[in-house]
Amino acid sequence: MPSYRLWRYDAVLEQARLAGIDAARVEIRPGASANHAWTVTEIDRSWPTQVDARAFDITTMQVVDQLNFQQFPLVAKLIRWGIDAHMGILFGVANQLLLVAFGAGLCSTIVIGYSMWWRRRPKHQRFPLQGSLLSSLGRLTLMGKVLCLTPTLLLACCLPLMGVSLAAFLIIDGLCWIKANRLKNLALKMRK
């Protein structure tokens, strides 16, 4: 960038401060050419959120456009806050500690769930039939199947990675169930 334009950064920042940009952290983007506006955007994502922006005509140093977070629709604000909370920057260290606690709780729940399953698994069968998800689903009433499958399919559509993982799990579960059925039928035939 030519050095003669460096003074414009200070001038644009000064005008931005006068126009209501008061965050400590800002991003200044020069225009692509002389007739394009420069933008100054607040990038402080901590609470209270400061993400206002101003666009300036570099020749007159007048505001040509502005964006205020207070005027965002509620959904846009919730999305901004949700992303910042998810990244652990909305409430600083407290937010990060909450995310660590949530992650530890999730890992603990997974380990406890596997532990409970391991204790309850049938030990005398190589391929337990009664523990199969598909066999459990097959024992439900029609209303039970609808109540179980409807939210599952909606979540699978909204969260495709979960849907693919669930489909893979069901395929493996189904193959194990089929194999266990064949072994059971073979054992019954041999007894006769």
Protein backbone atom coordinates (compact mmCIF):
# COMPACT_ATOMS: atom_id res chain seq x y z
CA MET A 1 0.00 0.00 0.00
CA PRO A 2 1.41 3.42 -0.86
CA SER A 3 2.61 5.29 2.24
CA TYR A 4 0.78 8.49 1.28
CA ARG A 5 -2.51 6.77 2.14
CA LEU A 6 -1.48 5.80 5.68
CA TRP A 7 -2.62 9.14 7.11
CA ARG A 8 -6.13 8.33 5.91
CA TYR A 9 -6.42 5.50 8.42
CA ASP A 10 -6.04 7.94 11.30
CA ALA A 11 -8.44 10.39 9.68
CA VAL A 12 -11.06 7.72 9.05
CA LEU A 13 -10.69 6.37 12.60
CA GLU A 14 -11.11 9.88 14.02
CA GLN A 15 -14.28 10.41 11.97
CA ALA A 16 -15.55 6.98 13.03
CA ARG A 17 -15.09 7.91 16.69
CA LEU A 18 -17.09 11.09 16.07
CA ALA A 19 -19.77 9.02 14.30
CA GLY A 20 -20.30 6.72 17.29
CA ILE A 21 -17.76 3.93 16.82
CA ASP A 22 -16.46 3.64 20.37
CA ALA A 23 -15.14 0.07 20.69
CA ALA A 24 -11.48 -0.36 21.54
CA ARG A 25 -11.05 -2.93 18.76
CA VAL A 26 -11.99 -1.87 15.24
CA GLU A 27 -11.29 -3.04 11.71
CA ILE A 28 -10.60 -0.43 9.04
CA ARG A 29 -10.98 -1.51 5.42
CA PRO A 30 -9.89 0.88 2.69
CA GLY A 31 -11.98 1.16 -0.43
CA ALA A 32 -10.95 -0.91 -3.44
CA SER A 33 -10.45 2.30 -5.41
CA ALA A 34 -10.67 6.05 -4.90
CA ASN A 35 -14.44 6.12 -5.48
CA HIS A 36 -15.23 3.26 -3.05
CA ALA A 37 -16.10 3.87 0.60
CA TRP A 38 -13.84 2.98 3.51
CA THR A 39 -15.44 0.99 6.32
CA VAL A 40 -14.79 1.00 10.04
CA THR A 41 -16.30 -1.94 11.91
CA GLU A 42 -16.33 -2.64 15.63
CA ILE A 43 -15.07 -6.17 16.30
CA ASP A 44 -15.57 -6.43 20.07
CA ARG A 45 -17.68 -9.56 20.50
CA SER A 46 -17.70 -9.58 24.31
CA TRP A 47 -20.70 -8.37 26.30
CA PRO A 48 -22.08 -5.80 25.56
CA THR A 49 -21.69 -6.65 21.90
CA GLN A 50 -20.15 -3.88 19.81
CA VAL A 51 -20.39 -4.63 16.10
CA ASP A 52 -21.56 -1.32 14.66
CA ALA A 53 -20.09 -0.22 11.32
CA ARG A 54 -19.73 3.02 9.38
CA ALA A 55 -18.79 3.61 5.74
CA PHE A 56 -17.02 6.83 4.79
CA ASP A 57 -16.47 8.71 1.57
CA ILE A 58 -12.71 9.19 1.74
CA THR A 59 -12.75 12.51 -0.13
CA THR A 60 -15.35 14.27 2.06
CA MET A 61 -14.94 12.15 5.22
CA GLN A 62 -18.73 11.97 5.49
CA VAL A 63 -20.66 8.90 6.64
CA VAL A 64 -22.32 7.36 3.59
CA ASP A 65 -23.79 4.32 5.33
CA GLN A 66 -24.07 2.93 8.83
CA LEU A 67 -25.03 -0.28 10.55
CA ASN A 68 -26.08 -0.32 14.21
CA PHE A 69 -26.36 -3.51 16.25
CA GLN A 70 -29.30 -2.04 18.19
CA GLN A 71 -31.32 -1.99 14.95
CA PHE A 72 -30.60 -5.64 14.09
CA PRO A 73 -33.68 -7.90 14.12
CA LEU A 74 -34.00 -10.12 17.19
CA VAL A 75 -33.05 -13.27 15.25
CA ALA A 76 -29.85 -11.64 13.97
CA LYS A 77 -28.93 -10.58 17.52
CA LEU A 78 -29.61 -14.08 18.86
CA ILE A 79 -27.44 -15.58 16.12
CA ARG A 80 -24.59 -13.16 16.90
CA TRP A 81 -24.83 -13.86 20.64
CA GLY A 82 -25.16 -17.61 20.05
CA ILE A 83 -22.02 -17.74 17.92
CA ASP A 84 -20.07 -15.63 20.41
CA ALA A 85 -21.26 -17.73 23.36
CA HIS A 86 -20.43 -20.94 21.48
CA MET A 87 -16.92 -19.64 20.78
CA GLY A 88 -16.46 -18.68 24.44
CA ILE A 89 -15.94 -14.95 23.89
CA LEU A 90 -19.31 -13.45 24.83
CA PHE A 91 -18.80 -13.42 28.62
CA GLY A 92 -15.05 -13.94 28.74
CA VAL A 93 -13.53 -16.41 31.21
CA ALA A 94 -16.91 -17.29 32.76
CA ASN A 95 -18.17 -18.31 29.31
CA GLN A 96 -15.07 -20.42 28.70
CA LEU A 97 -15.38 -22.14 32.09
CA LEU A 98 -19.02 -22.92 31.35
CA LEU A 99 -18.03 -24.48 28.01
CA VAL A 100 -15.32 -26.57 29.73
CA ALA A 101 -17.88 -27.75 32.32
CA PHE A 102 -20.38 -28.56 29.57
CA GLY A 103 -17.75 -30.50 27.60
CA ALA A 104 -16.65 -32.42 30.70
CA GLY A 105 -20.28 -33.20 31.52
CA LEU A 106 -20.91 -34.42 27.99
CA CYS A 107 -17.83 -36.67 28.07
CA SER A 108 -18.87 -38.00 31.50
CA THR A 109 -22.38 -38.75 30.23
CA ILE A 110 -20.96 -40.68 27.28
CA VAL A 111 -18.61 -42.70 29.51
CA ILE A 112 -21.38 -43.41 32.05
CA GLY A 113 -23.75 -44.44 29.24
CA TYR A 114 -21.24 -46.91 27.82
CA SER A 115 -20.52 -48.19 31.33
CA MET A 116 -24.25 -48.77 31.98
CA TRP A 117 -24.60 -50.57 28.67
CA TRP A 118 -21.54 -52.71 29.38
CA ARG A 119 -22.97 -53.83 32.74
CA ARG A 120 -26.40 -54.66 31.28
CA ARG A 121 -25.29 -56.48 28.15
CA PRO A 122 -26.17 -60.17 27.97
CA LYS A 123 -22.99 -62.05 28.76
CA HIS A 124 -24.05 -65.51 27.59
CA GLN A 125 -24.84 -64.52 23.98
CA ARG A 126 -22.31 -63.50 21.40
CA PHE A 127 -24.80 -61.29 19.53
CA PRO A 128 -27.58 -60.17 21.89
CA LEU A 129 -30.94 -59.78 20.14
CA GLN A 130 -32.78 -57.92 22.86
CA GLY A 131 -30.23 -55.13 23.09
CA SER A 132 -30.56 -54.20 19.42
CA LEU A 133 -31.91 -50.77 18.65
CA LEU A 134 -33.85 -52.11 15.67
CA SER A 135 -35.41 -54.89 17.74
CA SER A 136 -36.38 -52.35 20.41
CA LEU A 137 -37.89 -50.12 17.74
CA GLY A 138 -39.78 -53.09 16.33
CA ARG A 139 -41.44 -53.74 19.70
CA LEU A 140 -42.90 -50.21 19.89
CA THR A 141 -46.53 -49.48 19.05
CA LEU A 142 -47.31 -47.51 15.89
CA MET A 143 -47.73 -44.31 17.92
CA GLY A 144 -44.47 -45.02 19.74
CA LYS A 145 -42.66 -45.46 16.44
CA VAL A 146 -44.11 -42.17 15.12
CA LEU A 147 -43.15 -40.33 18.33
CA CYS A 148 -39.64 -41.79 18.18
CA LEU A 149 -38.92 -41.49 14.48
CA THR A 150 -40.41 -38.04 13.75
CA PRO A 151 -38.00 -35.98 15.91
CA THR A 152 -35.14 -38.30 14.95
CA LEU A 153 -35.71 -37.71 11.23
CA LEU A 154 -36.14 -33.96 11.75
CA LEU A 155 -32.87 -33.79 13.68
CA ALA A 156 -31.13 -35.94 11.06
CA CYS A 157 -32.25 -33.49 8.35
CA CYS A 158 -31.20 -30.43 10.36
CA LEU A 159 -27.92 -31.99 11.53
CA PRO A 160 -26.68 -34.06 8.59
CA LEU A 161 -23.52 -35.29 10.32
CA MET A 162 -25.65 -36.70 13.12
CA GLY A 163 -27.96 -38.22 10.50
CA VAL A 164 -25.07 -39.94 8.72
CA SER A 165 -23.67 -41.22 12.04
CA LEU A 166 -27.08 -42.51 13.06
CA ALA A 167 -27.58 -44.21 9.69
CA ALA A 168 -24.16 -45.91 10.00
CA PHE A 169 -25.02 -47.03 13.53
CA LEU A 170 -28.38 -48.43 12.38
CA ILE A 171 -26.75 -50.30 9.49
CA ILE A 172 -24.17 -51.89 11.81
CA ASP A 173 -26.89 -52.64 14.37
CA GLY A 174 -29.07 -54.17 11.67
CA LEU A 175 -26.24 -56.35 10.36
CA CYS A 176 -25.48 -57.56 13.90
CA TRP A 177 -29.19 -58.24 14.44
CA ILE A 178 -29.43 -60.23 11.19
CA LYS A 179 -26.32 -62.22 12.08
CA ALA A 180 -27.63 -62.91 15.58
CA ASN A 181 -30.98 -64.01 14.12
CA ARG A 182 -29.23 -66.42 11.76
CA LEU A 183 -27.14 -67.84 14.59
CA LYS A 184 -30.22 -68.23 16.77
CA ASN A 185 -32.15 -69.96 13.98
CA LEU A 186 -29.19 -72.21 13.25
CA ALA A 187 -28.94 -73.14 16.93
CA LEU A 188 -32.68 -73.92 17.02
CA LYS A 189 -32.38 -76.12 13.91
CA MET A 190 -29.45 -78.01 15.41
CA ARG A 191 -31.43 -78.74 18.60
CA LYS A 192 -34.26 -80.27 16.59
